[in-house]
């Protein structure tokens, strides 16, 4: 296989969730190997269980470093960290699984920091399990930021016809409004602009959601949050030549963006941005952490403990996340 194909580390996520199943289903696709060099960071014994569950016949090749991998369809190369019991049950929250999910990601980030791989694609982890293990982070994004010493970062979601980037993510709605400020607003607008420029869009059209209904409607709703927290950032970005508008009413903005009026929407809080993406289909969404020195993409769904180990989980979101990692990887 040509060495110029990007090397992508796929982290198993919570080994009690659907991650192992969707990984083996995805890596049973010749097309993946034609476009990248994928390997898994996880537990070999759990991948073996996932192969049994899915009735897929693939070989497992335990490796110590990415350069030792075969990168051949029909064989899954895996960095086997051997962190969990073979009897770890599907679909249950545990500190054992939460710690493993953290260590898989930590290992992949180390490979990226050392320049051994081009990107990381993550299967879902469970935040409760992560916390039970003593790793107190809101999610993947914050772990990645800390372990890469990144200050300015944001979560971007991509689905067919719609991209969304978030000012705040995993905090309560009251805390989110309190955390939003002009500096953070400007940073996210700039991240959106720079990310899409790198993706080949010369002058990205950016639209910023309001916080309140109707974007405050000139002070009718809320307490002047749009005037205080959004407008100064938008004006600063416009003065720098960034093609940005806002604040605009969120109830119509996502429709306009999907219609093609804008290239990306800046959402103010988690559900404002996630809801429209997930309406388009969980299998279609990809989570991208922007602002990092490394490429990271992920599925836009959770561990789905209710269906884990039942051969029900759909791998299309993971395949799309791998495709996006390939697309974003440096040449």
Protein backbone atom coordinates (compact mmCIF):
# COMPACT_ATOMS: atom_id res chain seq x y z
CA UNK A 1 0.00 0.00 0.00
CA UNK A 2 1.25 3.43 -0.91
CA UNK A 3 2.77 5.19 2.06
CA UNK A 4 1.34 8.54 1.01
CA UNK A 5 -2.11 7.45 2.11
CA UNK A 6 -2.87 9.02 5.50
CA UNK A 7 -2.43 6.88 8.58
CA UNK A 8 -5.56 7.08 10.75
CA UNK A 9 -5.79 5.83 14.34
CA UNK A 10 -9.30 4.67 15.22
CA UNK A 11 -9.89 4.67 18.97
CA UNK A 12 -12.30 2.06 20.30
CA UNK A 13 -14.13 4.41 22.66
CA UNK A 14 -16.02 2.76 25.50
CA UNK A 15 -15.47 -0.99 25.00
CA UNK A 16 -18.92 -1.71 26.46
CA UNK A 17 -20.63 0.39 23.79
CA UNK A 18 -21.19 0.06 20.06
CA UNK A 19 -17.69 1.28 19.17
CA UNK A 20 -16.13 -2.17 18.68
CA UNK A 21 -19.02 -3.30 16.44
CA UNK A 22 -19.01 -0.27 14.17
CA UNK A 23 -15.22 -0.46 13.91
CA UNK A 24 -15.17 -4.05 12.63
CA UNK A 25 -18.04 -3.30 10.26
CA UNK A 26 -16.24 -0.24 8.89
CA UNK A 27 -12.91 -2.01 8.48
CA UNK A 28 -14.59 -4.78 6.52
CA UNK A 29 -14.73 -2.32 3.61
CA UNK A 30 -12.02 -2.42 0.94
CA UNK A 31 -12.71 1.23 0.08
CA UNK A 32 -11.40 2.36 3.47
CA UNK A 33 -8.04 0.73 2.77
CA UNK A 34 -7.86 2.15 -0.72
CA UNK A 35 -7.87 5.66 0.73
CA UNK A 36 -6.03 5.44 4.05
CA UNK A 37 -3.95 3.28 6.37
CA UNK A 38 -6.25 2.58 9.35
CA UNK A 39 -5.45 0.85 12.62
CA UNK A 40 -7.28 0.52 15.92
CA UNK A 41 -6.21 1.54 19.41
CA UNK A 42 -8.12 -0.60 21.89
CA UNK A 43 -8.37 -4.14 23.25
CA UNK A 44 -7.88 -7.10 20.94
CA UNK A 45 -10.12 -9.36 23.02
CA UNK A 46 -13.01 -6.90 22.67
CA UNK A 47 -12.57 -6.67 18.89
CA UNK A 48 -12.66 -10.48 18.83
CA UNK A 49 -16.00 -10.36 20.66
CA UNK A 50 -17.25 -7.74 18.18
CA UNK A 51 -16.30 -10.00 15.25
CA UNK A 52 -18.23 -12.84 16.85
CA UNK A 53 -21.26 -10.62 17.41
CA UNK A 54 -21.27 -9.30 13.85
CA UNK A 55 -20.42 -12.63 12.19
CA UNK A 56 -17.58 -10.95 10.30
CA UNK A 57 -14.49 -12.98 9.50
CA UNK A 58 -11.38 -10.82 9.74
CA UNK A 59 -7.89 -11.45 11.09
CA UNK A 60 -6.60 -9.45 14.04
CA UNK A 61 -2.97 -8.33 14.02
CA UNK A 62 -1.55 -7.05 17.31
CA UNK A 63 1.08 -4.31 16.80
CA UNK A 64 3.16 -2.03 19.00
CA UNK A 65 3.59 0.88 16.59
CA UNK A 66 1.75 2.19 13.51
CA UNK A 67 4.72 1.35 11.29
CA UNK A 68 4.33 -2.36 12.18
CA UNK A 69 0.83 -2.58 10.68
CA UNK A 70 -0.05 -4.56 7.54
CA UNK A 71 -2.77 -2.10 6.40
CA UNK A 72 -4.52 -4.77 4.33
CA UNK A 73 -8.26 -5.27 4.02
CA UNK A 74 -9.07 -8.58 5.69
CA UNK A 75 -6.81 -7.84 8.65
CA UNK A 76 -7.45 -5.33 11.41
CA UNK A 77 -4.23 -3.97 12.88
CA UNK A 78 -4.62 -3.10 16.55
CA UNK A 79 -2.53 -1.50 19.27
CA UNK A 80 -3.70 -3.86 22.02
CA UNK A 81 -3.57 -2.03 25.35
CA UNK A 82 -5.13 -5.04 27.14
CA UNK A 83 -6.99 -2.92 29.70
CA UNK A 84 -10.31 -4.69 30.23
CA UNK A 85 -11.56 -8.13 31.11
CA UNK A 86 -12.71 -10.49 28.39
CA UNK A 87 -15.95 -10.78 30.37
CA UNK A 88 -16.64 -7.04 30.32
CA UNK A 89 -20.41 -6.88 29.71
CA UNK A 90 -21.96 -5.02 26.80
CA UNK A 91 -24.07 -1.97 27.59
CA UNK A 92 -23.04 -1.25 31.17
CA UNK A 93 -21.38 1.80 32.70
CA UNK A 94 -18.13 0.92 34.46
CA UNK A 95 -14.95 2.60 35.65
CA UNK A 96 -12.97 -0.17 33.92
CA UNK A 97 -14.43 0.73 30.53
CA UNK A 98 -14.23 4.47 31.20
CA UNK A 99 -10.53 4.27 32.03
CA UNK A 100 -9.88 2.15 28.95
CA UNK A 101 -11.62 4.67 26.69
CA UNK A 102 -9.41 7.44 28.11
CA UNK A 103 -6.21 5.40 27.67
CA UNK A 104 -7.05 4.50 24.05
CA UNK A 105 -7.43 8.19 23.23
CA UNK A 106 -4.33 9.17 25.21
CA UNK A 107 -2.27 6.64 23.23
CA UNK A 108 -3.57 7.84 19.87
CA UNK A 109 -2.87 11.47 20.80
CA UNK A 110 0.69 10.52 21.71
CA UNK A 111 1.17 8.96 18.27
CA UNK A 112 -0.21 12.14 16.68
CA UNK A 113 1.97 14.42 18.79
CA UNK A 114 4.99 12.36 17.73
CA UNK A 115 4.06 12.74 14.06
CA UNK A 116 3.52 9.01 13.58
CA UNK A 117 -0.04 9.35 12.24
CA UNK A 118 -2.03 11.87 10.22
CA UNK A 119 -5.29 11.84 12.14
CA UNK A 120 -7.48 10.32 14.84
CA UNK A 121 -11.02 9.04 14.38
CA UNK A 122 -12.85 8.29 17.63
CA UNK A 123 -15.62 5.85 18.45
CA UNK A 124 -17.93 7.12 21.22
CA UNK A 125 -17.07 7.15 24.91
CA UNK A 126 -19.45 7.34 27.88
CA UNK A 127 -19.05 10.42 30.07
CA UNK A 128 -20.43 8.73 33.19
CA UNK A 129 -17.96 5.87 32.82
CA UNK A 130 -15.15 8.34 32.15
CA UNK A 131 -15.97 10.17 35.39
CA UNK A 132 -16.28 6.92 37.36
CA UNK A 133 -12.69 6.22 36.31
CA UNK A 134 -11.56 9.59 37.67
CA UNK A 135 -11.10 11.30 34.30
CA UNK A 136 -13.20 14.40 34.85
CA UNK A 137 -13.71 15.84 31.39
CA UNK A 138 -16.93 16.84 29.60
CA UNK A 139 -15.93 14.67 26.64
CA UNK A 140 -13.44 13.86 23.89
CA UNK A 141 -12.94 17.48 22.84
CA UNK A 142 -11.60 18.69 26.17
CA UNK A 143 -9.26 15.69 26.54
CA UNK A 144 -7.83 16.36 23.09
CA UNK A 145 -7.35 20.04 23.87
CA UNK A 146 -5.54 19.38 27.15
CA UNK A 147 -3.26 16.64 25.81
CA UNK A 148 -2.28 18.77 22.80
CA UNK A 149 -1.88 21.97 24.85
CA UNK A 150 -4.55 23.70 22.76
CA UNK A 151 -6.20 26.85 24.12
CA UNK A 152 -8.55 27.87 21.32
CA UNK A 153 -10.70 25.04 19.97
CA UNK A 154 -14.29 24.30 19.09
CA UNK A 155 -16.61 21.47 18.14
CA UNK A 156 -17.78 21.46 14.54
CA UNK A 157 -20.49 19.14 13.26
CA UNK A 158 -20.84 18.33 9.59
CA UNK A 159 -23.73 16.65 7.78
CA UNK A 160 -24.78 16.75 4.12
CA UNK A 161 -25.66 20.37 3.39
CA UNK A 162 -25.01 21.74 6.87
CA UNK A 163 -22.01 22.62 9.04
CA UNK A 164 -22.29 23.91 12.61
CA UNK A 165 -19.61 25.15 15.01
CA UNK A 166 -20.28 25.74 18.71
CA UNK A 167 -19.43 28.60 21.05
CA UNK A 168 -20.22 26.39 24.08
CA UNK A 169 -20.92 22.67 24.27
CA UNK A 170 -21.17 20.41 27.31
CA UNK A 171 -22.49 22.81 29.94
CA UNK A 172 -25.99 23.59 31.20
CA UNK A 173 -27.98 26.24 29.37
CA UNK A 174 -27.66 28.85 32.14
CA UNK A 175 -23.91 28.23 32.39
CA UNK A 176 -23.65 28.41 28.60
CA UNK A 177 -25.17 31.88 28.45
CA UNK A 178 -22.86 33.02 31.23
CA UNK A 179 -19.79 31.59 29.47
CA UNK A 180 -20.53 33.26 26.13
CA UNK A 181 -18.50 36.45 25.73
CA UNK A 182 -17.10 38.60 22.94
CA UNK A 183 -13.65 37.00 22.97
CA UNK A 184 -14.99 33.45 22.74
CA UNK A 185 -17.51 34.51 20.09
CA UNK A 186 -14.79 36.05 17.94
CA UNK A 187 -12.49 33.05 18.43
CA UNK A 188 -15.16 30.64 17.16
CA UNK A 189 -15.98 32.85 14.16
CA UNK A 190 -12.26 32.95 13.31
CA UNK A 191 -11.91 29.17 13.76
CA UNK A 192 -14.84 28.64 11.42
CA UNK A 193 -13.32 30.96 8.83
CA UNK A 194 -9.82 29.46 9.02
CA UNK A 195 -11.05 25.85 9.00
CA UNK A 196 -13.19 26.29 5.90
CA UNK A 197 -10.45 28.22 4.12
CA UNK A 198 -8.11 25.28 4.73
CA UNK A 199 -10.83 23.05 3.27
CA UNK A 200 -10.73 25.09 0.06
CA UNK A 201 -13.53 27.65 0.54
CA UNK A 202 -11.92 30.98 -0.31
CA UNK A 203 -14.36 33.27 1.51
CA UNK A 204 -16.55 31.19 3.83
CA UNK A 205 -20.04 32.57 4.43
CA UNK A 206 -20.56 32.46 8.19
CA UNK A 207 -23.86 33.05 10.00
CA UNK A 208 -24.11 33.53 13.77
CA UNK A 209 -27.14 32.40 15.77
CA UNK A 210 -28.72 34.65 18.33
CA UNK A 211 -29.03 33.48 21.92
CA UNK A 212 -32.65 34.50 22.47
CA UNK A 213 -35.77 33.90 20.35
CA UNK A 214 -35.73 36.06 17.19
CA UNK A 215 -32.10 36.98 18.09
CA UNK A 216 -33.50 39.20 20.84
CA UNK A 217 -35.64 41.25 18.43
CA UNK A 218 -33.91 44.53 19.33
CA UNK A 219 -34.15 43.96 23.07
CA UNK A 220 -37.70 42.60 23.16
CA UNK A 221 -36.48 39.17 24.34
CA UNK A 222 -33.70 38.50 26.83
CA UNK A 223 -31.46 40.98 28.58
CA UNK A 224 -29.42 42.40 25.76
CA UNK A 225 -27.22 39.32 25.32
CA UNK A 226 -26.99 39.76 21.54
CA UNK A 227 -25.82 43.36 21.85
CA UNK A 228 -23.35 42.51 24.64
CA UNK A 229 -21.97 39.11 23.66
CA UNK A 230 -22.36 38.72 19.88
CA UNK A 231 -22.52 41.97 17.91
CA UNK A 232 -19.07 43.32 18.94
CA UNK A 233 -17.43 40.03 17.87
CA UNK A 234 -19.25 39.98 14.54
CA UNK A 235 -18.25 43.60 13.86
CA UNK A 236 -14.60 42.87 14.74
CA UNK A 237 -14.54 39.90 12.35
CA UNK A 238 -16.20 41.95 9.60
CA UNK A 239 -13.56 44.67 10.00
CA UNK A 240 -10.92 41.98 9.35
CA UNK A 241 -12.61 41.00 6.10
CA UNK A 242 -14.37 37.88 7.37
CA UNK A 243 -17.69 37.24 5.60
CA UNK A 244 -19.94 36.89 8.66
CA UNK A 245 -23.50 37.94 9.50
CA UNK A 246 -25.41 37.92 12.75
CA UNK A 247 -26.89 37.54 15.18
CA UNK A 248 -29.71 35.90 13.22
CA UNK A 249 -32.79 34.05 14.50
CA UNK A 250 -31.88 30.39 14.98
CA UNK A 251 -35.38 29.16 14.11
CA UNK A 252 -34.89 30.08 10.45
CA UNK A 253 -31.10 30.20 10.15
CA UNK A 254 -30.52 26.46 9.86
CA UNK A 255 -33.08 26.23 7.08
CA UNK A 256 -31.31 29.05 5.25
CA UNK A 257 -27.92 27.40 5.70
CA UNK A 258 -29.19 24.06 4.40
CA UNK A 259 -30.69 25.92 1.44
CA UNK A 260 -27.20 27.12 0.60
CA UNK A 261 -27.19 30.70 1.90
CA UNK A 262 -24.27 30.05 4.29
CA UNK A 263 -21.31 27.66 4.53
CA UNK A 264 -21.39 27.32 8.31
CA UNK A 265 -23.54 28.32 11.28
CA UNK A 266 -22.13 29.44 14.64
CA UNK A 267 -24.37 27.93 17.34
CA UNK A 268 -24.30 29.41 20.82
CA UNK A 269 -24.95 26.25 22.85
CA UNK A 270 -25.05 22.47 22.53
CA UNK A 271 -28.66 21.71 21.63
CA UNK A 272 -29.03 24.74 19.38
CA UNK A 273 -26.39 23.25 17.07
CA UNK A 274 -26.77 19.52 17.62
CA UNK A 275 -30.53 19.36 17.08
CA UNK A 276 -30.56 20.45 13.41
CA UNK A 277 -27.62 18.17 12.55
CA UNK A 278 -29.22 15.13 14.17
CA UNK A 279 -32.53 15.74 12.45
CA UNK A 280 -30.61 15.07 9.22
CA UNK A 281 -29.79 11.59 10.53
CA UNK A 282 -27.40 10.21 13.13
CA UNK A 283 -25.71 8.13 10.45
CA UNK A 284 -24.84 11.26 8.45
CA UNK A 285 -23.21 13.45 11.10
CA UNK A 286 -19.49 13.83 11.80
CA UNK A 287 -17.93 15.57 14.81
CA UNK A 288 -14.70 17.49 14.07
CA UNK A 289 -12.55 19.23 16.67
CA UNK A 290 -11.15 22.39 15.10
CA UNK A 291 -8.20 24.41 16.38
CA UNK A 292 -6.11 21.36 17.32
CA UNK A 293 -2.64 20.78 15.88
CA UNK A 294 -3.87 17.31 14.84
CA UNK A 295 -6.83 16.03 12.83
CA UNK A 296 -9.64 14.55 14.90
CA UNK A 297 -13.03 13.38 13.68
CA UNK A 298 -15.70 11.30 15.35
CA UNK A 299 -19.12 9.78 15.01
CA UNK A 300 -21.92 12.11 16.04
CA UNK A 301 -23.68 9.61 18.30
CA UNK A 302 -23.16 8.05 21.69
CA UNK A 303 -22.26 4.62 23.01
CA UNK A 304 -25.84 3.32 22.51
CA UNK A 305 -25.60 0.90 25.42
CA UNK A 306 -29.17 -0.29 24.76
CA UNK A 307 -28.13 -1.94 21.49
CA UNK A 308 -24.46 -2.73 22.20
CA UNK A 309 -23.49 -6.32 21.45
CA UNK A 310 -26.63 -6.98 19.40
CA UNK A 311 -25.29 -6.42 15.88
CA UNK A 312 -27.77 -3.57 15.37
CA UNK A 313 -25.46 -0.55 15.37
CA UNK A 314 -25.03 1.26 12.05
CA UNK A 315 -21.43 1.97 11.00
CA UNK A 316 -22.19 4.68 8.43
CA UNK A 317 -21.34 7.59 10.74
CA UNK A 318 -17.95 6.06 11.55
CA UNK A 319 -17.25 5.49 7.86
CA UNK A 320 -18.13 9.11 7.18
CA UNK A 321 -15.87 10.23 10.05
CA UNK A 322 -12.98 8.20 8.60
CA UNK A 323 -13.66 9.73 5.18
CA UNK A 324 -13.59 13.21 6.71
CA UNK A 325 -10.31 12.48 8.50
CA UNK A 326 -8.82 11.39 5.17
CA UNK A 327 -10.10 14.56 3.51
CA UNK A 328 -8.68 16.83 6.22
CA UNK A 329 -5.35 15.01 6.64
CA UNK A 330 -2.27 16.95 5.49
CA UNK A 331 -0.89 15.77 2.17
